[in-house]
PDB file of N, CA and C in Angstrom:
ATOM      1  N   UNK A   1      76.995-110.040  86.012  1.00  0.00           N
ATOM      2  CA  UNK A   1      76.178-108.814  86.089  1.00  0.00           C
ATOM      3  C   UNK A   1      75.556-107.269  86.329  1.00  0.00           C
ATOM      4  N   UNK A   2      75.525-106.621  84.534  1.00  0.00           N
ATOM      5  CA  UNK A   2      76.083-105.391  85.166  1.00  0.00           C
ATOM      6  C   UNK A   2      75.380-104.436  85.477  1.00  0.00           C
ATOM      7  N   UNK A   3      76.539-103.218  86.710  1.00  0.00           N
ATOM      8  CA  UNK A   3      75.830-102.326  87.863  1.00  0.00           C
ATOM      9  C   UNK A   3      76.286-101.041  86.893  1.00  0.00           C
ATOM     10  N   UNK A   4      75.378-100.192  86.425  1.00  0.00           N
ATOM     11  CA  UNK A   4      75.648 -99.084  86.584  1.00  0.00           C
ATOM     12  C   UNK A   4      76.199 -98.179  88.254  1.00  0.00           C
ATOM     13  N   UNK A   5      77.211 -97.479  87.032  1.00  0.00           N
ATOM     14  CA  UNK A   5      77.515 -96.364  88.314  1.00  0.00           C
ATOM     15  C   UNK A   5      77.995 -94.740  87.872  1.00  0.00           C
ATOM     16  N   UNK A   6      77.482 -94.121  88.262  1.00  0.00           N
ATOM     17  CA  UNK A   6      77.682 -92.749  88.830  1.00  0.00           C
ATOM     18  C   UNK A   6      78.758 -92.075  88.504  1.00  0.00           C
ATOM     19  N   UNK A   7      79.131 -91.139  88.153  1.00  0.00           N
ATOM     20  CA  UNK A   7      80.387 -90.651  89.254  1.00  0.00           C
ATOM     21  C   UNK A   7      80.307 -88.865  88.678  1.00  0.00           C
ATOM     22  N   UNK A   8      80.013 -88.145  89.366  1.00  0.00           N
ATOM     23  CA  UNK A   8      80.496 -86.735  90.052  1.00  0.00           C
ATOM     24  C   UNK A   8      82.278 -86.458  89.644  1.00  0.00           C
ATOM     25  N   UNK A   9      82.290 -85.138  89.557  1.00  0.00           N
ATOM     26  CA  UNK A   9      83.681 -84.325  89.416  1.00  0.00           C
ATOM     27  C   UNK A   9      83.682 -83.904  91.303  1.00  0.00           C
ATOM     28  N   UNK A  10      84.901 -84.635  91.720  1.00  0.00           N
ATOM     29  CA  UNK A  10      84.590 -83.537  93.519  1.00  0.00           C
ATOM     30  C   UNK A  10      86.475 -83.041  93.299  1.00  0.00           C
ATOM     31  N   UNK A  11      86.451 -82.475  94.791  1.00  0.00           N
ATOM     32  CA  UNK A  11      87.905 -82.344  95.425  1.00  0.00           C
ATOM     33  C   UNK A  11      88.383 -83.103  95.846  1.00  0.00           C
ATOM     34  N   UNK A  12      90.166 -84.165  95.660  1.00  0.00           N
ATOM     35  CA  UNK A  12      89.751 -83.661  96.956  1.00  0.00           C
ATOM     36  C   UNK A  12      91.948 -83.820  97.841  1.00  0.00           C
ATOM     37  N   UNK A  13      91.488 -83.623  98.804  1.00  0.00           N
ATOM     38  CA  UNK A  13      92.843 -83.172  99.164  1.00  0.00           C
ATOM     39  C   UNK A  13      94.057 -84.684  99.487  1.00  0.00           C
ATOM     40  N   UNK A  14      95.248 -84.483  98.345  1.00  0.00           N
ATOM     41  CA  UNK A  14      96.552 -85.386  99.356  1.00  0.00           C
ATOM     42  C   UNK A  14      97.380 -84.741 100.553  1.00  0.00           C
ATOM     43  N   UNK A  15      97.666 -85.784  99.457  1.00  0.00           N
ATOM     44  CA  UNK A  15      99.344 -85.887 101.381  1.00  0.00           C
ATOM     45  C   UNK A  15      99.668 -84.477 102.030  1.00  0.00           C
ATOM     46  N   UNK A  16      99.729 -83.990 100.688  1.00  0.00           N
ATOM     47  CA  UNK A  16     100.816 -82.689 100.433  1.00  0.00           C
ATOM     48  C   UNK A  16      99.893 -80.342 100.911  1.00  0.00           C
ATOM     49  N   UNK A  17      98.439 -81.770 101.545  1.00  0.00           N
ATOM     50  CA  UNK A  17      96.901 -80.388 101.720  1.00  0.00           C
ATOM     51  C   UNK A  17      96.837 -80.306  99.602  1.00  0.00           C
ATOM     52  N   UNK A  18      96.812 -81.121  99.474  1.00  0.00           N
ATOM     53  CA  UNK A  18      96.894 -79.635  97.976  1.00  0.00           C
ATOM     54  C   UNK A  18      95.342 -79.995  97.127  1.00  0.00           C
ATOM     55  N   UNK A  19      95.105 -79.634  97.014  1.00  0.00           N
ATOM     56  CA  UNK A  19      93.444 -79.513  96.650  1.00  0.00           C
ATOM     57  C   UNK A  19      93.465 -80.213  94.673  1.00  0.00           C
ATOM     58  N   UNK A  20      93.374 -81.639  94.150  1.00  0.00           N
ATOM     59  CA  UNK A  20      93.280 -82.518  93.456  1.00  0.00           C
ATOM     60  C   UNK A  20      91.923 -82.811  92.864  1.00  0.00           C
ATOM     61  N   UNK A  21      92.032 -82.641  91.481  1.00  0.00           N
ATOM     62  CA  UNK A  21      90.101 -83.005  91.279  1.00  0.00           C
ATOM     63  C   UNK A  21      90.193 -84.170  90.105  1.00  0.00           C
ATOM     64  N   UNK A  22      89.425 -84.297  90.820  1.00  0.00           N
ATOM     65  CA  UNK A  22      89.032 -86.510  91.296  1.00  0.00           C
ATOM     66  C   UNK A  22      87.765 -86.611  91.293  1.00  0.00           C
ATOM     67  N   UNK A  23      87.260 -88.274  91.052  1.00  0.00           N
ATOM     68  CA  UNK A  23      85.958 -88.178  90.111  1.00  0.00           C
ATOM     69  C   UNK A  23      85.968 -89.231  91.656  1.00  0.00           C
ATOM     70  N   UNK A  24      84.131 -88.865  91.861  1.00  0.00           N
ATOM     71  CA  UNK A  24      84.176 -89.699  92.398  1.00  0.00           C
ATOM     72  C   UNK A  24      82.249 -91.143  91.470  1.00  0.00           C
ATOM     73  N   UNK A  25      82.981 -92.267  92.130  1.00  0.00           N
ATOM     74  CA  UNK A  25      82.085 -93.525  91.653  1.00  0.00           C
ATOM     75  C   UNK A  25      80.900 -93.224  92.586  1.00  0.00           C
ATOM     76  N   UNK A  26      79.647 -94.326  91.423  1.00  0.00           N
ATOM     77  CA  UNK A  26      78.544 -94.648  93.445  1.00  0.00           C
ATOM     78  C   UNK A  26      78.138 -95.588  92.588  1.00  0.00           C
ATOM     79  N   UNK A  27      76.992 -96.668  93.553  1.00  0.00           N
ATOM     80  CA  UNK A  27      76.828 -97.940  92.712  1.00  0.00           C
ATOM     81  C   UNK A  27      75.271 -97.579  93.000  1.00  0.00           C
ATOM     82  N   UNK A  28      74.948 -97.637  91.605  1.00  0.00           N
ATOM     83  CA  UNK A  28      73.812 -97.808  91.720  1.00  0.00           C
ATOM     84  C   UNK A  28      73.019 -99.081  92.382  1.00  0.00           C
ATOM     85  N   UNK A  29      73.159-100.255  92.617  1.00  0.00           N
ATOM     86  CA  UNK A  29      73.283-101.084  93.797  1.00  0.00           C
ATOM     87  C   UNK A  29      72.562-100.775  95.021  1.00  0.00           C
ATOM     88  N   UNK A  30      73.261-100.001  96.227  1.00  0.00           N
ATOM     89  CA  UNK A  30      73.525-100.156  97.443  1.00  0.00           C
ATOM     90  C   UNK A  30      74.524 -98.652  97.533  1.00  0.00           C
ATOM     91  N   UNK A  31      74.688 -97.503  96.246  1.00  0.00           N
ATOM     92  CA  UNK A  31      75.108 -95.742  97.177  1.00  0.00           C
ATOM     93  C   UNK A  31      76.845 -96.095  97.463  1.00  0.00           C
ATOM     94  N   UNK A  32      77.367 -97.187  97.394  1.00  0.00           N
ATOM     95  CA  UNK A  32      78.917 -97.740  98.147  1.00  0.00           C
ATOM     96  C   UNK A  32      79.763 -96.673  96.996  1.00  0.00           C
ATOM     97  N   UNK A  33      79.973 -96.636  97.307  1.00  0.00           N
ATOM     98  CA  UNK A  33      81.342 -95.246  96.841  1.00  0.00           C
ATOM     99  C   UNK A  33      82.456 -95.653  96.165  1.00  0.00           C
ATOM    100  N   UNK A  34      83.402 -94.800  95.946  1.00  0.00           N
ATOM    101  CA  UNK A  34      84.746 -94.977  95.743  1.00  0.00           C
ATOM    102  C   UNK A  34      85.342 -93.515  94.769  1.00  0.00           C
ATOM    103  N   UNK A  35      86.894 -92.982  95.477  1.00  0.00           N
ATOM    104  CA  UNK A  35      86.937 -92.077  94.246  1.00  0.00           C
ATOM    105  C   UNK A  35      88.632 -92.413  94.374  1.00  0.00           C
ATOM    106  N   UNK A  36      88.923 -91.170  93.103  1.00  0.00           N
ATOM    107  CA  UNK A  36      90.063 -91.401  92.355  1.00  0.00           C
ATOM    108  C   UNK A  36      91.124 -90.071  92.600  1.00  0.00           C
ATOM    109  N   UNK A  37      91.942 -89.830  92.847  1.00  0.00           N
ATOM    110  CA  UNK A  37      92.181 -88.707  91.646  1.00  0.00           C
ATOM    111  C   UNK A  37      92.963 -88.297  90.566  1.00  0.00           C
ATOM    112  N   UNK A  38      92.461 -87.398  90.366  1.00  0.00           N
ATOM    113  CA  UNK A  38      91.902 -87.266  88.749  1.00  0.00           C
ATOM    114  C   UNK A  38      90.456 -87.645  87.983  1.00  0.00           C
ATOM    115  N   UNK A  39      90.549 -86.873  87.056  1.00  0.00           N
ATOM    116  CA  UNK A  39      89.455 -87.178  86.669  1.00  0.00           C
ATOM    117  C   UNK A  39      89.388 -87.388  84.792  1.00  0.00           C
ATOM    118  N   UNK A  40      90.750 -88.213  84.220  1.00  0.00           N
ATOM    119  CA  UNK A  40      90.492 -88.613  83.075  1.00  0.00           C
ATOM    120  C   UNK A  40      89.455 -90.423  82.908  1.00  0.00           C
ATOM    121  N   UNK A  41      89.721 -91.249  82.186  1.00  0.00           N
ATOM    122  CA  UNK A  41      88.348 -91.618  81.715  1.00  0.00           C
ATOM    123  C   UNK A  41      89.756 -92.893  83.024  1.00  0.00           C
ATOM    124  N   UNK A  42      91.365 -92.828  82.365  1.00  0.00           N
ATOM    125  CA  UNK A  42      91.913 -93.677  83.794  1.00  0.00           C
ATOM    126  C   UNK A  42      91.021 -94.152  84.821  1.00  0.00           C
ATOM    127  N   UNK A  43      90.778 -92.457  85.506  1.00  0.00           N
ATOM    128  CA  UNK A  43      90.765 -92.418  87.116  1.00  0.00           C
ATOM    129  C   UNK A  43      89.129 -92.694  86.694  1.00  0.00           C
ATOM    130  N   UNK A  44      88.814 -93.060  86.067  1.00  0.00           N
ATOM    131  CA  UNK A  44      87.264 -93.853  86.505  1.00  0.00           C
ATOM    132  C   UNK A  44      87.966 -95.153  86.615  1.00  0.00           C
ATOM    133  N   UNK A  45      87.894 -95.346  85.564  1.00  0.00           N
ATOM    134  CA  UNK A  45      89.026 -96.985  85.257  1.00  0.00           C
ATOM    135  C   UNK A  45      89.179 -97.749  86.732  1.00  0.00           C
ATOM    136  N   UNK A  46      89.739 -96.720  86.604  1.00  0.00           N
ATOM    137  CA  UNK A  46      90.401 -97.183  88.659  1.00  0.00           C
ATOM    138  C   UNK A  46      89.139 -97.361  89.409  1.00  0.00           C
ATOM    139  N   UNK A  47      88.466 -96.485  89.224  1.00  0.00           N
ATOM    140  CA  UNK A  47      87.475 -95.883  90.555  1.00  0.00           C
ATOM    141  C   UNK A  47      86.608 -97.790  90.446  1.00  0.00           C
ATOM    142  N   UNK A  48      86.119 -98.160  88.661  1.00  0.00           N
ATOM    143  CA  UNK A  48      85.451 -98.933  89.162  1.00  0.00           C
ATOM    144  C   UNK A  48      85.627-100.732  89.569  1.00  0.00           C
ATOM    145  N   UNK A  49      87.343-100.031  89.677  1.00  0.00           N
ATOM    146  CA  UNK A  49      87.670-101.471  90.220  1.00  0.00           C
ATOM    147  C   UNK A  49      88.007-101.223  91.149  1.00  0.00           C
ATOM    148  N   UNK A  50      87.753-100.934  91.920  1.00  0.00           N
ATOM    149  CA  UNK A  50      87.455-100.848  93.265  1.00  0.00           C
ATOM    150  C   UNK A  50      86.923-100.932  93.838  1.00  0.00           C
ATOM    151  N   UNK A  51      85.462-100.319  92.596  1.00  0.00           N
ATOM    152  CA  UNK A  51      84.601-100.536  93.152  1.00  0.00           C
ATOM    153  C   UNK A  51      83.562-102.722  93.092  1.00  0.00           C
ATOM    154  N   UNK A  52      84.661-102.994  91.859  1.00  0.00           N
ATOM    155  CA  UNK A  52      84.227-103.930  92.283  1.00  0.00           C
ATOM    156  C   UNK A  52      84.681-105.197  93.337  1.00  0.00           C
ATOM    157  N   UNK A  53      85.809-104.895  94.129  1.00  0.00           N
ATOM    158  CA  UNK A  53      87.081-104.698  94.913  1.00  0.00           C
ATOM    159  C   UNK A  53      85.862-104.545  96.899  1.00  0.00           C
ATOM    160  N   UNK A  54      85.794-103.680  96.655  1.00  0.00           N
ATOM    161  CA  UNK A  54      85.123-103.045  98.137  1.00  0.00           C
ATOM    162  C   UNK A  54      83.297-103.856  97.743  1.00  0.00           C
ATOM    163  N   UNK A  55      82.625-103.358  97.313  1.00  0.00           N
ATOM    164  CA  UNK A  55      81.243-102.985  97.099  1.00  0.00           C
ATOM    165  C   UNK A  55      81.408-103.811  97.681  1.00  0.00           C
ATOM    166  N   UNK A  56      79.774-103.604  99.157  1.00  0.00           N
ATOM    167  CA  UNK A  56      78.880-105.023 100.224  1.00  0.00           C
ATOM    168  C   UNK A  56      78.499-105.863  98.967  1.00  0.00           C
ATOM    169  N   UNK A  57      77.910-105.457  98.406  1.00  0.00           N
ATOM    170  CA  UNK A  57      76.383-106.268  97.841  1.00  0.00           C
ATOM    171  C   UNK A  57      77.091-107.076  96.777  1.00  0.00           C
ATOM    172  N   UNK A  58      79.039-106.999  96.428  1.00  0.00           N
ATOM    173  CA  UNK A  58      78.837-108.103  95.336  1.00  0.00           C
ATOM    174  C   UNK A  58      78.632-109.264  95.471  1.00  0.00           C
ATOM    175  N   UNK A  59      78.766-110.242  96.454  1.00  0.00           N
ATOM    176  CA  UNK A  59      78.666-111.526  96.957  1.00  0.00           C
ATOM    177  C   UNK A  59      77.006-111.512  96.937  1.00  0.00           C
ATOM    178  N   UNK A  60      76.153-110.360  96.998  1.00  0.00           N
ATOM    179  CA  UNK A  60      74.413-111.120  97.235  1.00  0.00           C
ATOM    180  C   UNK A  60      74.486-111.202  96.437  1.00  0.00           C
ATOM    181  N   UNK A  61      74.478-109.933  94.682  1.00  0.00           N
ATOM    182  CA  UNK A  61      75.207-110.606  93.534  1.00  0.00           C
ATOM    183  C   UNK A  61      75.471-111.144  91.990  1.00  0.00           C
ATOM    184  N   UNK A  62      75.986-111.960  92.560  1.00  0.00           N
ATOM    185  CA  UNK A  62      77.717-112.779  92.231  1.00  0.00           C
ATOM    186  C   UNK A  62      78.580-111.612  90.738  1.00  0.00           C
ATOM    187  N   UNK A  63      78.803-112.339  90.867  1.00  0.00           N
ATOM    188  CA  UNK A  63      80.143-111.040  90.058  1.00  0.00           C
ATOM    189  C   UNK A  63      79.417-109.637  88.906  1.00  0.00           C
ATOM    190  N   UNK A  64      79.148-108.992  89.984  1.00  0.00           N
ATOM    191  CA  UNK A  64      78.998-108.252  89.570  1.00  0.00           C
ATOM    192  C   UNK A  64      80.876-107.534  88.620  1.00  0.00           C
ATOM    193  N   UNK A  65      80.288-107.006  87.234  1.00  0.00           N
ATOM    194  CA  UNK A  65      80.473-105.963  86.334  1.00  0.00           C
ATOM    195  C   UNK A  65      79.866-104.605  86.619  1.00  0.00           C
ATOM    196  N   UNK A  66      80.930-103.761  87.376  1.00  0.00           N
ATOM    197  CA  UNK A  66      81.043-102.299  87.244  1.00  0.00           C
ATOM    198  C   UNK A  66      80.563-101.945  85.939  1.00  0.00           C
ATOM    199  N   UNK A  67      80.140-100.965  85.738  1.00  0.00           N
ATOM    200  CA  UNK A  67      80.179 -99.958  84.508  1.00  0.00           C
ATOM    201  C   UNK A  67      79.764 -97.991  84.398  1.00  0.00           C
ATOM    202  N   UNK A  68      80.356 -97.236  83.733  1.00  0.00           N
ATOM    203  CA  UNK A  68      80.152 -95.972  83.643  1.00  0.00           C
ATOM    204  C   UNK A  68      78.985 -95.881  83.127  1.00  0.00           C
ATOM    205  N   UNK A  69      77.772 -95.126  83.346  1.00  0.00           N
ATOM    206  CA  UNK A  69      76.803 -95.457  83.418  1.00  0.00           C
ATOM    207  C   UNK A  69      76.364 -93.724  82.321  1.00  0.00           C
ATOM    208  N   UNK A  70      76.936 -93.571  82.033  1.00  0.00           N
ATOM    209  CA  UNK A  70      78.070 -92.622  80.792  1.00  0.00           C
ATOM    210  C   UNK A  70      78.263 -92.962  79.640  1.00  0.00           C
ATOM    211  N   UNK A  71      78.251 -94.233  80.082  1.00  0.00           N
ATOM    212  CA  UNK A  71      79.155 -94.777  78.013  1.00  0.00           C
ATOM    213  C   UNK A  71      78.020 -96.152  77.423  1.00  0.00           C
TER     214      UNK A  71
END
């Protein structure tokens, strides 16, 4: 099933206490979030890949395919 994820830009702190522009994805089914450093398309894809691994409702809905709701 295709599951839409919304994105927002956030600021994360790295291990050197530097603020890094980043993105956060939110699952439309369960509101689970994933975060990735950077704001590029690659960072968004990383969030979606992590969502497939981490989403607590993934097993309940079968093999979910997470997509960016803006695409």
